[in-house]
N, C-alpha and C. Protein backbone atom coordinates (compact mmCIF):
# COMPACT_ATOMS: atom_id res chain seq x y z
N MET A 1 12.90 7.92 8.58
CA MET A 1 11.43 6.82 8.77
C MET A 1 11.13 7.38 10.86
N PRO A 2 9.92 7.01 10.51
CA PRO A 2 9.50 7.61 11.80
C PRO A 2 9.97 6.58 12.81
N SER A 3 10.15 6.29 13.76
CA SER A 3 10.92 6.13 15.58
C SER A 3 9.61 5.03 16.16
N LYS A 4 9.98 3.79 15.94
CA LYS A 4 8.72 3.01 16.63
C LYS A 4 8.41 3.81 17.99
N THR A 5 8.82 4.61 18.92
CA THR A 5 8.73 5.46 19.96
C THR A 5 7.64 6.18 20.05
N ALA A 6 7.13 6.80 18.87
CA ALA A 6 6.78 8.04 18.31
C ALA A 6 4.91 7.90 18.46
N LEU A 7 4.48 8.99 18.16
CA LEU A 7 2.90 9.32 18.37
C LEU A 7 3.47 9.10 17.14
N GLN A 8 1.92 8.91 16.60
CA GLN A 8 1.09 8.80 15.22
C GLN A 8 -0.27 8.94 15.06
N PHE A 9 -0.79 9.98 14.03
CA PHE A 9 -1.82 10.86 14.03
C PHE A 9 -1.85 10.80 12.90
N THR A 10 -2.80 11.33 12.37
CA THR A 10 -3.50 11.86 11.11
C THR A 10 -4.19 12.69 11.12
N SER A 11 -3.72 14.15 10.34
CA SER A 11 -4.32 15.56 10.52
C SER A 11 -4.26 15.78 8.68
N ARG A 12 -4.63 17.26 8.48
CA ARG A 12 -4.40 18.05 7.51
C ARG A 12 -3.75 19.38 7.16
N LEU A 13 -3.23 19.78 6.26
CA LEU A 13 -2.69 20.70 5.85
C LEU A 13 -3.33 21.50 5.31
N GLU A 14 -3.08 22.62 6.23
CA GLU A 14 -3.40 23.65 6.01
C GLU A 14 -2.69 25.06 5.72
N GLN A 15 -3.23 26.18 4.95
CA GLN A 15 -2.65 26.94 4.60
C GLN A 15 -3.09 28.23 5.84
N SER A 16 -1.32 28.88 6.39
CA SER A 16 -1.77 29.42 7.63
C SER A 16 -2.35 30.98 7.14
N HIS A 17 -2.53 31.87 7.89
CA HIS A 17 -3.05 32.71 7.47
C HIS A 17 -1.84 34.13 8.60
N ASN A 18 -0.69 33.84 8.06
CA ASN A 18 0.06 34.70 8.62
C ASN A 18 1.52 34.75 8.00
N ARG A 19 2.06 35.52 7.86
CA ARG A 19 2.73 35.92 7.91
C ARG A 19 4.66 35.33 7.72
N LEU A 20 4.70 34.69 8.62
CA LEU A 20 5.55 33.87 8.46
C LEU A 20 5.11 32.15 8.51
N TRP A 21 4.63 31.59 8.80
CA TRP A 21 4.46 29.95 8.26
C TRP A 21 3.98 30.52 7.20
N GLY A 22 3.78 29.40 6.18
CA GLY A 22 3.17 28.91 5.05
C GLY A 22 2.16 27.94 5.03
N GLY A 23 2.65 26.81 5.56
CA GLY A 23 1.41 25.94 5.69
C GLY A 23 1.58 25.00 7.62
N HIS A 24 0.76 24.61 7.71
CA HIS A 24 0.85 23.88 9.05
C HIS A 24 0.07 22.95 8.88
N PHE A 25 -0.06 21.55 9.92
CA PHE A 25 -1.08 20.43 10.32
C PHE A 25 -1.36 20.96 11.79
N GLY A 26 -2.20 20.59 12.64
CA GLY A 26 -3.17 20.71 13.71
C GLY A 26 -2.65 19.17 14.28
N VAL A 27 -2.69 19.88 15.57
CA VAL A 27 -1.65 17.88 16.79
C VAL A 27 -2.41 18.01 17.77
N PRO A 28 -3.41 16.80 18.01
CA PRO A 28 -4.40 16.44 19.07
C PRO A 28 -3.78 17.24 19.95
N ILE A 29 -4.45 16.87 21.03
CA ILE A 29 -4.47 17.56 22.29
C ILE A 29 -4.36 16.66 23.02
N SER A 30 -4.26 15.48 22.42
CA SER A 30 -3.59 13.98 23.28
C SER A 30 -2.50 14.16 23.63
N VAL A 31 -1.78 13.95 21.90
CA VAL A 31 -0.52 13.84 21.33
C VAL A 31 0.38 15.51 22.35
N ALA A 32 -0.43 16.80 22.08
CA ALA A 32 0.44 17.58 22.46
C ALA A 32 0.74 17.99 24.25
N GLN A 33 -1.01 16.92 24.87
CA GLN A 33 0.22 16.74 26.06
C GLN A 33 0.97 16.31 26.58
N LYS A 34 2.16 14.95 25.82
CA LYS A 34 2.64 13.85 26.15
C LYS A 34 3.92 14.59 25.59
N LEU A 35 3.89 15.41 24.39
CA LEU A 35 4.57 16.88 24.41
C LEU A 35 5.07 17.24 25.02
N VAL A 36 4.77 18.52 25.39
CA VAL A 36 4.73 19.44 25.71
C VAL A 36 5.52 19.71 27.06
N ASP A 37 6.49 19.94 27.44
CA ASP A 37 6.35 20.28 28.68
C ASP A 37 7.49 22.06 29.37
N ALA A 38 7.25 21.78 30.58
CA ALA A 38 7.77 23.26 30.51
C ALA A 38 9.57 23.38 30.12
N GLY A 39 10.07 23.02 29.55
CA GLY A 39 11.60 23.62 29.10
C GLY A 39 11.48 23.31 27.89
N SER A 40 10.38 22.68 27.28
CA SER A 40 10.14 22.49 25.53
C SER A 40 9.05 22.13 25.04
N ARG A 41 9.64 22.79 23.98
CA ARG A 41 8.46 22.29 22.54
C ARG A 41 8.66 21.03 21.36
N ARG A 42 10.24 20.95 21.43
CA ARG A 42 11.17 20.57 20.57
C ARG A 42 10.38 19.19 20.27
N VAL A 43 9.91 18.81 19.29
CA VAL A 43 10.20 17.36 18.82
C VAL A 43 11.41 17.33 17.21
N VAL A 44 10.89 15.65 16.96
CA VAL A 44 10.95 15.27 15.85
C VAL A 44 9.94 14.83 15.50
N CYS A 45 9.97 15.12 13.27
CA CYS A 45 8.75 14.66 13.56
C CYS A 45 8.66 14.01 11.98
N SER A 46 7.95 13.09 11.27
CA SER A 46 8.21 12.33 10.24
C SER A 46 6.88 12.62 9.28
N ILE A 47 6.55 12.93 8.55
CA ILE A 47 5.11 13.30 7.48
C ILE A 47 5.05 12.21 6.84
N ASN A 48 4.14 11.70 6.61
CA ASN A 48 4.55 10.53 5.59
C ASN A 48 5.39 9.91 5.05
N GLY A 49 6.58 9.23 6.32
CA GLY A 49 6.85 8.22 5.92
C GLY A 49 8.91 8.89 6.11
N SER A 50 7.94 10.37 5.61
CA SER A 50 9.67 11.26 5.35
C SER A 50 11.36 10.78 6.28
N PRO A 51 11.90 11.12 5.91
CA PRO A 51 13.06 11.15 6.93
C PRO A 51 12.92 12.30 8.18
N GLU A 52 12.70 11.57 9.18
CA GLU A 52 12.11 13.10 10.04
C GLU A 52 13.29 14.04 10.82
N TYR A 53 12.94 14.76 11.05
CA TYR A 53 13.57 16.53 11.40
C TYR A 53 12.51 17.09 12.55
N GLN A 54 13.89 17.88 12.68
CA GLN A 54 13.06 18.63 13.95
C GLN A 54 12.30 19.92 13.53
N CYS A 55 11.81 19.78 14.97
CA CYS A 55 10.98 21.05 14.89
C CYS A 55 10.16 21.55 16.22
N ALA A 56 9.30 22.50 16.19
CA ALA A 56 8.62 22.86 17.59
C ALA A 56 7.10 22.79 17.38
N LEU A 57 7.04 22.02 18.35
CA LEU A 57 5.06 23.08 17.87
C LEU A 57 4.85 24.21 18.89
N LEU A 58 3.60 24.54 17.86
CA LEU A 58 4.00 26.23 17.83
C LEU A 58 2.60 25.99 18.81
N PRO A 59 2.31 26.81 19.71
CA PRO A 59 0.66 27.20 20.34
C PRO A 59 -0.30 28.07 19.35
N HIS A 60 -1.59 26.91 19.11
CA HIS A 60 -2.28 27.66 18.13
C HIS A 60 -3.54 28.48 19.09
N GLY A 61 -3.46 28.79 20.07
CA GLY A 61 -4.37 29.11 20.77
C GLY A 61 -5.02 28.02 21.05
N ASP A 62 -6.05 28.81 22.80
CA ASP A 62 -7.07 26.98 23.10
C ASP A 62 -6.51 26.18 23.55
N GLY A 63 -4.65 26.08 23.84
CA GLY A 63 -4.50 24.93 24.47
C GLY A 63 -4.01 24.32 22.47
N LEU A 64 -4.60 24.61 21.80
CA LEU A 64 -4.36 23.62 20.95
C LEU A 64 -2.48 24.66 20.31
N TYR A 65 -1.90 23.31 19.27
CA TYR A 65 -0.49 23.46 18.57
C TYR A 65 -0.97 22.72 17.54
N VAL A 66 0.57 23.52 16.40
CA VAL A 66 0.44 23.25 15.24
C VAL A 66 1.71 22.60 14.65
N VAL A 67 2.52 22.14 14.18
CA VAL A 67 3.82 22.15 13.40
C VAL A 67 3.99 22.86 11.94
N SER A 68 4.84 23.70 11.60
CA SER A 68 4.44 24.33 10.18
C SER A 68 5.12 23.49 9.73
N VAL A 69 4.65 24.21 8.27
CA VAL A 69 5.30 22.88 6.93
C VAL A 69 5.75 24.10 5.86
N ASN A 70 6.55 24.40 6.03
CA ASN A 70 7.45 25.58 4.97
C ASN A 70 7.30 24.95 3.29
N LYS A 71 7.24 25.93 2.72
CA LYS A 71 7.07 25.66 1.14
C LYS A 71 8.09 24.69 0.84
N LYS A 72 9.69 24.53 0.98
CA LYS A 72 10.71 23.36 0.83
C LYS A 72 9.39 21.66 0.46
N LEU A 73 9.24 22.16 1.58
CA LEU A 73 9.50 20.96 3.15
C LEU A 73 7.69 20.02 2.39
N ARG A 74 7.36 21.10 1.57
CA ARG A 74 5.52 21.01 0.82
C ARG A 74 6.18 20.40 -0.33
N SER A 75 7.20 21.20 -1.48
CA SER A 75 6.96 20.68 -2.89
C SER A 75 8.37 19.17 -2.41
N ALA A 76 9.26 19.28 -1.93
CA ALA A 76 10.26 17.90 -1.25
C ALA A 76 9.29 17.32 -1.09
N LEU A 77 8.26 17.27 -0.24
CA LEU A 77 7.35 15.87 -0.26
C LEU A 77 5.73 15.71 -0.94
N GLY A 78 5.89 16.11 -2.06
CA GLY A 78 4.18 16.65 -2.68
C GLY A 78 3.28 16.69 -2.20
N LEU A 79 2.75 17.47 -1.26
CA LEU A 79 2.58 18.28 -0.13
C LEU A 79 1.00 19.55 -1.19
N SER A 80 0.05 19.68 -0.57
CA SER A 80 -1.02 20.41 -1.32
C SER A 80 -1.62 20.75 0.28
N PHE A 81 -2.44 21.95 0.14
CA PHE A 81 -3.67 22.88 1.14
C PHE A 81 -4.41 21.35 1.13
N GLY A 82 -5.03 21.05 2.12
CA GLY A 82 -6.47 20.15 1.82
C GLY A 82 -5.77 19.47 2.49
N MET A 83 -4.57 18.25 2.19
CA MET A 83 -4.41 16.99 2.16
C MET A 83 -4.23 16.41 3.44
N ALA A 84 -5.02 15.40 3.62
CA ALA A 84 -4.12 14.17 4.36
C ALA A 84 -3.27 13.93 4.82
N VAL A 85 -2.37 14.27 6.02
CA VAL A 85 -1.07 13.56 6.43
C VAL A 85 -1.05 13.23 7.63
N HIS A 86 -0.04 12.02 7.20
CA HIS A 86 0.14 10.78 8.62
C HIS A 86 1.47 11.17 8.98
N VAL A 87 0.88 11.82 10.56
CA VAL A 87 2.03 12.26 11.61
C VAL A 87 3.08 11.52 12.54
N SER A 88 4.47 11.05 12.50
CA SER A 88 4.23 10.92 13.46
C SER A 88 5.35 11.66 13.96
N LEU A 89 5.22 11.78 15.69
CA LEU A 89 6.01 13.13 16.32
C LEU A 89 6.83 12.57 17.27
N ARG A 90 7.36 12.22 17.89
CA ARG A 90 8.18 12.29 18.98
C ARG A 90 9.24 13.59 19.72
N LYS A 91 9.72 13.53 21.19
CA LYS A 91 10.61 14.32 21.85
C LYS A 91 11.49 14.30 21.55
N ASP A 92 12.29 15.68 21.13
CA ASP A 92 13.30 15.82 20.73
C ASP A 92 14.37 15.65 21.77
N GLU A 93 15.22 15.34 22.33
CA GLU A 93 16.19 15.46 23.19
C GLU A 93 17.82 15.31 23.26
N SER A 94 17.20 16.16 21.89
CA SER A 94 19.05 16.84 21.84
C SER A 94 19.13 17.73 22.17
N LYS A 95 20.55 18.34 22.54
CA LYS A 95 20.84 19.34 23.10
C LYS A 95 20.37 20.31 22.71
N TYR A 96 20.34 21.00 21.11
CA TYR A 96 20.32 22.23 21.14
C TYR A 96 19.31 22.04 19.81
N GLY A 97 18.30 20.56 19.63
CA GLY A 97 16.89 21.35 18.85
C GLY A 97 17.13 20.76 17.32
N LEU A 98 18.43 21.19 16.84
CA LEU A 98 18.80 21.21 15.78
C LEU A 98 20.11 20.63 15.21
N PRO A 99 20.83 20.52 14.60
CA PRO A 99 21.57 19.73 14.25
C PRO A 99 23.09 20.60 14.69
N MET A 100 24.25 20.20 15.34
CA MET A 100 25.12 21.01 15.93
C MET A 100 26.85 20.25 14.37
N PRO A 101 26.97 21.84 13.36
CA PRO A 101 27.58 21.47 12.54
C PRO A 101 29.14 21.18 13.03
N GLU A 102 29.97 20.47 12.59
CA GLU A 102 30.87 19.90 12.63
C GLU A 102 31.61 21.23 12.70
N GLU A 103 31.79 21.96 12.12
CA GLU A 103 33.18 23.50 12.22
C GLU A 103 32.33 24.31 13.07
N LEU A 104 30.95 24.05 13.57
CA LEU A 104 30.96 25.66 14.71
C LEU A 104 31.59 24.42 15.94
N GLU A 105 31.00 23.59 15.89
CA GLU A 105 31.51 22.38 17.24
C GLU A 105 32.56 22.55 17.35
N GLU A 106 34.19 22.31 16.13
CA GLU A 106 35.23 21.82 16.33
C GLU A 106 35.82 23.71 16.79
N LEU A 107 35.29 24.77 16.40
CA LEU A 107 35.43 26.18 16.24
C LEU A 107 35.50 26.56 18.00
N LEU A 108 34.40 26.37 18.28
CA LEU A 108 33.52 26.44 19.77
C LEU A 108 34.83 25.20 20.98
N ARG A 109 35.92 24.20 20.33
CA ARG A 109 36.16 23.17 21.75
C ARG A 109 37.86 24.05 21.40
N GLN A 110 37.77 24.73 20.20
CA GLN A 110 39.04 25.67 20.00
C GLN A 110 39.08 27.20 20.69
N ASP A 111 37.43 27.92 20.62
CA ASP A 111 37.95 29.00 21.60
C ASP A 111 37.29 29.31 22.16
N LYS A 112 37.56 29.09 23.67
CA LYS A 112 36.74 29.15 24.90
C LYS A 112 36.15 30.62 24.77
N GLU A 113 36.18 31.57 24.38
CA GLU A 113 35.72 32.92 24.57
C GLU A 113 33.81 32.75 23.52
N GLY A 114 34.29 32.23 22.53
CA GLY A 114 33.50 32.18 21.40
C GLY A 114 32.45 31.14 21.81
N HIS A 115 32.90 29.49 22.56
CA HIS A 115 32.49 28.57 22.92
C HIS A 115 31.51 29.52 24.67
N ARG A 116 31.93 30.51 25.46
CA ARG A 116 31.21 31.10 26.21
C ARG A 116 29.98 31.77 26.08
N LEU A 117 30.18 32.94 24.54
CA LEU A 117 29.10 33.54 24.70
C LEU A 117 28.62 33.41 23.71
N PHE A 118 28.50 32.01 22.77
CA PHE A 118 27.19 30.92 22.05
C PHE A 118 27.31 30.31 23.26
N HIS A 119 26.59 29.68 24.18
CA HIS A 119 26.59 29.24 25.04
C HIS A 119 25.96 30.25 26.13
N SER A 120 25.63 31.57 26.19
CA SER A 120 24.97 31.94 27.15
C SER A 120 23.48 33.23 26.15
N LEU A 121 24.18 32.46 24.55
CA LEU A 121 22.40 32.78 24.48
C LEU A 121 21.28 31.70 24.56
N THR A 122 19.87 32.65 24.20
CA THR A 122 18.84 31.35 24.29
C THR A 122 19.12 30.15 23.32
N ALA A 123 18.09 29.09 23.95
CA ALA A 123 18.13 28.40 23.10
C ALA A 123 17.33 28.81 21.38
N GLY A 124 17.27 29.56 21.24
CA GLY A 124 16.39 30.04 20.23
C GLY A 124 17.24 30.54 19.75
N ARG A 125 18.08 31.38 19.51
CA ARG A 125 19.17 31.87 19.29
C ARG A 125 20.27 31.19 18.96
N GLN A 126 20.53 30.30 20.11
CA GLN A 126 21.69 29.17 19.99
C GLN A 126 20.89 28.30 18.06
N ARG A 127 19.82 28.11 18.06
CA ARG A 127 19.49 27.55 17.12
C ARG A 127 18.97 28.09 15.59
N THR A 128 19.12 29.13 15.78
CA THR A 128 18.67 30.13 14.39
C THR A 128 20.29 30.25 14.09
N LEU A 129 20.86 30.41 14.81
CA LEU A 129 22.59 30.20 14.82
C LEU A 129 22.94 29.16 13.84
N LEU A 130 22.11 27.78 14.31
CA LEU A 130 22.77 26.61 14.03
C LEU A 130 22.09 26.15 12.49
N TYR A 131 21.08 26.70 11.89
CA TYR A 131 20.43 26.74 11.04
C TYR A 131 21.03 27.46 10.33
N THR A 132 21.67 28.53 10.66
CA THR A 132 21.99 29.72 9.38
C THR A 132 23.34 29.18 9.16
N ILE A 133 24.15 28.34 9.86
CA ILE A 133 25.61 27.55 9.36
C ILE A 133 25.09 26.21 8.77
N ASN A 134 24.54 24.98 9.88
CA ASN A 134 23.64 24.47 8.71
C ASN A 134 23.48 24.01 7.20
N SER A 135 23.15 25.42 6.70
CA SER A 135 21.56 25.64 6.02
C SER A 135 23.38 25.76 4.52
N ALA A 136 24.31 25.87 4.98
CA ALA A 136 24.71 25.98 4.14
C ALA A 136 25.25 24.76 3.32
N LYS A 137 25.90 24.22 2.04
CA LYS A 137 26.03 23.21 1.82
C LYS A 137 27.28 22.18 2.14
N ASN A 138 28.05 23.53 1.92
CA ASN A 138 29.73 22.80 1.75
C ASN A 138 30.77 22.82 2.87
N THR A 139 31.75 22.13 3.48
CA THR A 139 31.50 23.08 4.78
C THR A 139 32.83 24.04 4.52
N GLU A 140 33.12 24.32 3.29
CA GLU A 140 33.82 26.21 3.67
C GLU A 140 33.18 26.69 3.52
N THR A 141 31.79 26.72 3.11
CA THR A 141 30.97 27.82 3.80
C THR A 141 30.18 27.81 4.94
N ARG A 142 30.50 26.39 5.64
CA ARG A 142 30.00 26.41 6.87
C ARG A 142 31.43 26.87 8.15
N LEU A 143 31.97 26.91 7.88
CA LEU A 143 33.05 27.01 8.43
C LEU A 143 33.18 29.05 8.55
N THR A 144 33.27 29.42 7.03
CA THR A 144 33.72 30.39 7.14
C THR A 144 31.90 31.50 8.09
N ARG A 145 31.04 30.54 7.58
CA ARG A 145 29.50 31.04 8.65
C ARG A 145 30.12 30.90 9.87
N ALA A 146 30.03 29.94 10.70
CA ALA A 146 30.81 29.83 12.07
C ALA A 146 31.85 30.64 12.88
N VAL A 147 32.49 30.92 11.32
CA VAL A 147 33.87 31.83 12.50
C VAL A 147 32.80 33.39 12.26
N ILE A 148 33.05 33.84 11.10
CA ILE A 148 31.15 34.96 11.00
C ILE A 148 30.96 34.96 11.94
N ILE A 149 29.91 33.44 12.74
CA ILE A 149 29.45 34.20 13.88
C ILE A 149 29.74 34.15 14.80
N ILE A 150 30.77 33.91 15.03
CA ILE A 150 31.42 33.72 16.35
C ILE A 150 32.55 35.07 16.68
N ARG A 151 32.47 35.83 15.76
CA ARG A 151 33.25 36.86 15.32
C ARG A 151 32.29 38.44 16.05
N HIS A 152 31.11 37.72 15.67
CA HIS A 152 29.90 38.87 15.92
C HIS A 152 29.52 39.12 16.79
N LEU A 153 29.94 37.39 17.56
CA LEU A 153 28.96 37.65 18.92
C LEU A 153 30.19 38.48 19.95
N LYS A 154 31.35 38.35 19.57
CA LYS A 154 32.68 38.80 20.30
C LYS A 154 32.55 40.22 20.28
N ALA A 155 32.51 40.60 18.97
CA ALA A 155 31.99 42.38 18.53
C ALA A 155 31.52 42.77 19.20
N ASN A 156 29.97 41.91 19.31
CA ASN A 156 29.27 43.08 20.50
C ASN A 156 28.67 42.27 21.85
N GLY A 157 29.96 41.52 22.37
CA GLY A 157 29.41 41.23 23.35
C GLY A 157 28.69 40.47 23.49
N GLY A 158 28.66 38.84 22.58
CA GLY A 158 27.14 38.56 22.87
C GLY A 158 26.38 38.84 22.66
N LYS A 159 25.95 39.70 22.04
CA LYS A 159 24.39 40.25 21.96
C LYS A 159 24.97 39.56 20.32
N ILE A 160 23.28 39.26 19.60
CA ILE A 160 23.58 39.22 18.52
C ILE A 160 22.77 40.59 17.68
N ASN A 161 23.17 41.29 16.62
CA ASN A 161 22.32 42.44 15.61
C ASN A 161 22.50 41.74 14.35
N TYR A 162 20.98 41.22 14.17
CA TYR A 162 20.69 40.07 12.74
C TYR A 162 20.56 41.37 11.71
N ARG A 163 20.43 42.73 11.34
CA ARG A 163 21.22 43.29 10.27
C ARG A 163 22.37 43.15 9.92
N GLN A 164 23.38 43.24 10.79
CA GLN A 164 24.72 43.96 11.22
C GLN A 164 24.87 42.21 10.35
N LEU A 165 24.70 41.03 10.81
CA LEU A 165 25.65 39.97 11.37
C LEU A 165 24.99 39.43 9.50
N SER A 166 23.18 39.37 9.00
CA SER A 166 23.54 39.53 8.12
C SER A 166 24.04 39.92 6.97
N GLN A 167 24.30 41.16 7.37
CA GLN A 167 24.99 41.87 5.76
C GLN A 167 26.99 41.41 6.04
N MET A 168 27.54 41.08 7.97
CA MET A 168 28.43 40.23 7.22
C MET A 168 28.41 38.88 6.80
N LEU A 169 27.74 38.52 7.11
CA LEU A 169 27.62 37.31 5.99
C LEU A 169 27.38 37.42 4.70
N ARG A 170 26.92 38.40 4.09
CA ARG A 170 26.58 38.45 2.75
C ARG A 170 28.13 38.63 2.20
N LYS A 171 28.71 39.61 2.57
CA LYS A 171 30.24 40.25 2.37
C LYS A 171 31.02 39.49 2.66
N ARG A 172 30.94 37.94 2.94
CA ARG A 172 32.05 36.85 3.06
C ARG A 172 32.87 36.84 1.95
């Protein structure tokens, strides 16, 4: 549900003309200016009163920003292109910009080298790994993914080889 401190506006869901996003909605410049700072464009969003989720304001040229809306979210909310959406946005003040899975948090608490390597990654790479772990539905799979990721970081000197990591995650 939207927060009382959130900025609210109405926008239109548009189809994206690139291969990364399925759809997006524009963010008024006045709203974007209040949310974007030199450190982050991360926000917490609610569409049409839906539960909040973490995302980012994405530059769309000429000082404009959009928020992408993937197919899964569009389907869950019954959204279609051209539809007006009521949006609530607030600054994401969380440490990582996505939830930290308990399984990874515990692993990093126990593994100092894994902790160091994970925290030496850029914020965007950390979020990618958090998303990979969080997308698993059960605890066992999240723990397995966390262990594989930390082993991968150790084996590659703190660097991520996404193709190799993807293969390791599939083999598990």
